[in-house]
Protein backbone atom coordinates (compact mmCIF):
# COMPACT_ATOMS: atom_id res chain seq x y z
CA MET A 1 0.00 0.00 0.00
CA LYS A 2 1.33 3.37 -1.05
CA PRO A 3 1.77 5.83 1.84
CA ILE A 4 -0.24 9.10 1.59
CA SER A 5 1.68 12.20 2.30
CA LEU A 6 0.31 14.46 5.00
CA ALA A 7 0.73 17.47 2.72
CA VAL A 8 -1.42 15.84 0.03
CA PHE A 9 -4.15 15.05 2.57
CA ALA A 10 -4.17 18.64 3.87
CA ALA A 11 -4.35 20.08 0.35
CA ALA A 12 -7.30 17.83 -0.49
CA ALA A 13 -9.16 18.91 2.67
CA LEU A 14 -8.61 22.59 1.92
CA SER A 15 -9.82 22.23 -1.64
CA SER A 16 -13.03 20.49 -0.48
CA LEU A 17 -13.67 23.27 2.03
CA ALA A 18 -13.20 25.86 -0.67
CA VAL A 19 -15.89 24.15 -2.73
CA ILE A 20 -18.57 24.31 0.02
CA ALA A 21 -17.62 27.75 1.40
CA GLN A 22 -20.30 30.45 1.01
CA PRO A 23 -19.45 33.60 -0.94
CA GLN A 24 -18.93 36.71 1.14
CA LEU A 25 -21.54 39.55 0.84
CA PRO A 26 -20.14 42.84 -0.34
CA PRO A 27 -19.72 45.46 2.40
CA ILE A 28 -22.59 47.96 2.74
CA LYS A 29 -21.53 51.49 1.99
CA PRO A 30 -22.96 54.19 4.25
CA GLY A 31 -25.82 56.20 2.76
CA LEU A 32 -26.88 53.44 0.36
CA PRO A 33 -29.89 51.13 0.87
CA ASN A 34 -29.12 47.70 2.27
CA PRO A 35 -29.91 45.12 -0.47
CA ASN A 36 -30.17 42.35 2.15
CA GLN A 37 -32.78 44.14 4.29
CA ILE A 38 -36.40 43.00 3.96
CA PRO A 39 -38.55 46.05 3.11
CA PRO A 40 -41.40 46.84 5.57
CA LYS A 41 -44.78 45.47 4.64
CA VAL A 42 -47.27 48.20 3.74
CA VAL A 43 -50.79 47.54 5.03
CA PRO A 44 -53.23 49.06 2.53
CA GLY A 45 -55.85 51.41 3.93
CA LEU A 46 -53.98 52.35 7.14
CA LEU A 47 -51.33 54.74 5.86
CA GLY A 48 -51.74 58.09 4.18
CA LYS A 49 -55.16 59.12 5.56
CA PRO A 50 -56.28 62.05 7.70
CA ASP A 51 -58.00 61.56 11.07
CA LEU A 52 -60.25 64.44 12.15
CA THR A 53 -61.22 64.88 15.81
CA VAL A 54 -62.90 67.78 17.63
CA MET A 55 -60.27 68.80 20.17
CA SER A 56 -62.22 71.53 22.04
CA ILE A 57 -65.51 73.44 22.35
CA LYS A 58 -65.22 76.76 24.21
CA PRO A 59 -68.33 78.93 24.73
CA ARG A 60 -67.28 82.58 24.95
CA MET A 61 -68.54 86.13 24.68
CA LEU A 62 -67.09 88.42 22.03
CA GLY A 63 -68.35 91.82 23.08
CA THR A 64 -72.10 91.35 23.59
CA THR A 65 -72.42 88.32 21.29
CA PRO A 66 -72.18 84.66 22.44
CA TYR A 67 -70.12 82.19 20.40
CA ALA A 68 -68.83 78.64 20.65
CA TYR A 69 -65.21 78.32 19.50
CA VAL A 70 -64.76 74.85 17.97
CA CYS A 71 -61.28 73.51 17.11
CA VAL A 72 -60.66 70.42 14.95
CA LYS A 73 -57.36 68.50 14.89
CA ASN A 74 -56.00 66.24 12.14
CA SER A 75 -54.16 63.40 13.91
CA GLY A 76 -53.66 61.49 10.66
CA SER A 77 -50.67 61.24 8.33
CA ALA A 78 -52.25 63.05 5.36
CA ASN A 79 -53.75 66.50 4.79
CA ALA A 80 -57.53 66.90 4.95
CA GLY A 81 -59.32 69.07 2.41
CA PRO A 82 -62.41 71.21 3.16
CA PHE A 83 -65.06 69.66 5.42
CA ASN A 84 -68.08 70.65 7.51
CA VAL A 85 -68.46 70.75 11.30
CA GLN A 86 -71.91 70.50 12.89
CA LEU A 87 -72.64 71.99 16.32
CA THR A 88 -75.77 71.29 18.36
CA MET A 89 -76.76 72.17 21.89
CA GLY A 90 -79.34 70.54 24.10
CA ALA A 91 -80.73 70.46 27.62
CA PRO A 92 -83.45 68.72 29.59
CA ALA A 93 -86.81 70.46 29.45
CA PRO A 94 -87.65 72.17 32.76
CA THR A 95 -91.23 70.89 32.77
CA GLY A 96 -93.12 67.93 31.48
CA SER A 97 -93.84 64.35 32.43
CA PRO A 98 -92.15 62.10 31.46
CA PRO A 99 -88.89 64.05 31.29
CA ILE A 100 -87.93 65.09 27.77
CA SER A 101 -84.93 66.86 26.31
CA TRP A 102 -84.49 69.33 23.48
CA ILE A 103 -81.69 69.59 20.95
CA THR A 104 -81.24 72.48 18.57
CA LEU A 105 -78.88 72.84 15.61
CA VAL A 106 -76.54 75.78 16.11
CA GLY A 107 -74.92 75.46 12.70
CA ASP A 108 -73.23 73.30 10.08
CA MET A 109 -70.14 75.35 9.21
CA ARG A 110 -67.70 74.88 6.32
CA TYR A 111 -64.03 74.69 7.34
CA ALA A 112 -62.94 75.72 3.86
CA THR A 113 -59.16 75.70 4.39
CA GLY A 114 -59.09 72.07 5.55
CA VAL A 115 -56.33 71.09 7.98
CA PRO A 116 -52.81 69.72 7.37
CA ALA A 117 -51.56 66.47 8.92
CA GLY A 118 -50.77 67.09 12.58
CA GLY A 119 -52.35 70.58 12.53
CA PHE A 120 -55.63 72.09 13.71
CA THR A 121 -58.14 74.74 12.67
CA CYS A 122 -60.81 76.67 14.63
CA ASN A 123 -64.01 78.64 13.92
CA ASP A 124 -66.62 80.55 15.95
CA PHE A 125 -70.26 79.39 15.85
CA LEU A 126 -72.79 82.15 16.57
CA LEU A 127 -75.05 81.09 19.46
CA PRO A 128 -78.70 82.19 19.76
CA GLY A 129 -79.64 84.95 22.18
CA SER A 130 -77.53 87.68 23.76
CA THR A 131 -75.91 85.67 26.57
CA LEU A 132 -74.27 82.26 26.88
CA PRO A 133 -76.91 79.52 27.30
CA ASN A 134 -77.16 78.21 30.85
CA CYS A 135 -76.52 74.52 31.66
CA VAL A 136 -76.56 73.20 28.10
CA LYS A 137 -74.54 70.40 26.52
CA TYR A 138 -72.73 71.24 23.28
CA SER A 139 -71.95 68.51 20.77
CA ALA A 140 -69.64 69.07 17.77
CA ARG A 141 -69.04 66.59 14.95
CA ALA A 142 -66.16 66.97 12.51
CA ASP A 143 -66.72 66.00 8.86
CA SER A 144 -70.49 65.98 9.34
CA GLY A 145 -70.99 65.40 5.60
CA ASN A 146 -68.63 62.37 5.51
CA GLU A 147 -66.52 63.96 2.77
CA ILE A 148 -63.11 62.93 4.12
CA ALA A 149 -61.93 59.29 3.98
CA GLU A 150 -60.33 58.93 7.42
CA SER A 151 -58.21 56.28 9.10
CA ASN A 152 -60.70 56.35 12.03
CA GLU A 153 -64.32 57.34 11.37
CA SER A 154 -65.56 56.73 14.94
CA ASN A 155 -63.82 59.56 16.82
CA ASN A 156 -65.32 62.64 15.14
CA THR A 157 -67.63 63.83 17.96
CA LEU A 158 -66.94 65.71 21.19
CA GLU A 159 -69.40 66.85 23.90
CA HIS A 160 -68.95 69.74 26.33
CA LEU A 161 -71.17 70.77 29.26
CA GLY A 162 -71.55 74.52 29.44
CA ALA A 163 -71.42 76.47 32.69
CA CYS A 164 -74.42 76.46 35.02
CA LEU A 165 -74.95 79.94 36.44
CA GLY A 166 -77.21 80.45 39.45
CA GLU A 167 -79.81 77.82 40.17
CA PRO A 168 -79.72 74.76 37.88
CA PRO A 169 -82.87 74.10 35.86
CA VAL A 170 -85.64 72.10 37.53
CA PHE A 171 -85.86 68.75 35.75
CA ALA A 172 -89.16 67.02 35.24
CA SER A 173 -89.67 64.25 37.77
CA LYS A 174 -92.22 61.65 38.79
CA PRO A 175 -95.17 62.97 40.83
CA ARG A 176 -94.77 62.71 44.57
CA LEU A 177 -97.03 60.24 46.34
CA ALA A 178 -98.84 61.31 49.50
CA ILE A 179 -97.47 59.53 52.59
CA PRO A 180 -100.07 58.78 55.30
CA ASP A 181 -99.35 60.07 58.78
CA ALA A 182 -97.04 57.71 60.62
CA PRO A 183 -97.96 56.77 64.21
CA VAL A 184 -96.14 58.82 66.83
CA ILE A 185 -94.00 56.72 69.19
CA LYS A 186 -93.76 58.22 72.67
CA PRO A 187 -90.43 57.89 74.50
CA ILE A 188 -90.28 55.81 77.70
CA PRO A 189 -89.70 58.06 80.73
CA GLY A 190 -86.63 57.35 82.88
CA PRO A 191 -83.81 54.94 82.26
CA VAL A 192 -84.49 51.81 80.29
CA PRO A 193 -84.34 48.77 82.60
CA GLY A 194 -81.57 46.30 81.75
CA PRO A 195 -81.96 42.54 81.63
CA GLY A 196 -82.63 40.84 84.93
CA PRO A 197 -80.30 38.33 86.62
CA ARG A 198 -80.07 34.92 84.98
CA PRO A 199 -81.46 31.97 86.99
């Protein structure tokens, strides 16, 4: 049997390793996209839409005229074009049985400039009368005409309870029932005797 040289055996092992070795990836240069990185998956319908919410309702007097200052925020990632905002106010009726409530439309105003992504816009709604309504609940709804395709359509409404000045309104209630006279219990004079001795 012919002896195998150790140098021949080592050369054969190195050549077999060279065959199965994986090629090296080129170094990534800074500032260039990584060709080995998996791009993020884009979920259709969730990106690139505005999200309108009413952020505040502030009743206020400007001179002798009452207004409600309504601000709308765009929390989405895209600009919103023109849209409408509807403001109502309501309160329980002071009389009547059963109790009822009234709601009146203050206005449906056009926010013609729209609102950019992350920004907000405000407008004054003229309130009826010459003073701020007492103890009423204001309700404002952004995009009342459903013109804007939003990422969240369920957060467009905000409610605000206005100030109650003086006595609150008397709400309608159930009629009171007459209670018959209860018997008068007379107190026992002197100390109350304790229990007697046990047998």
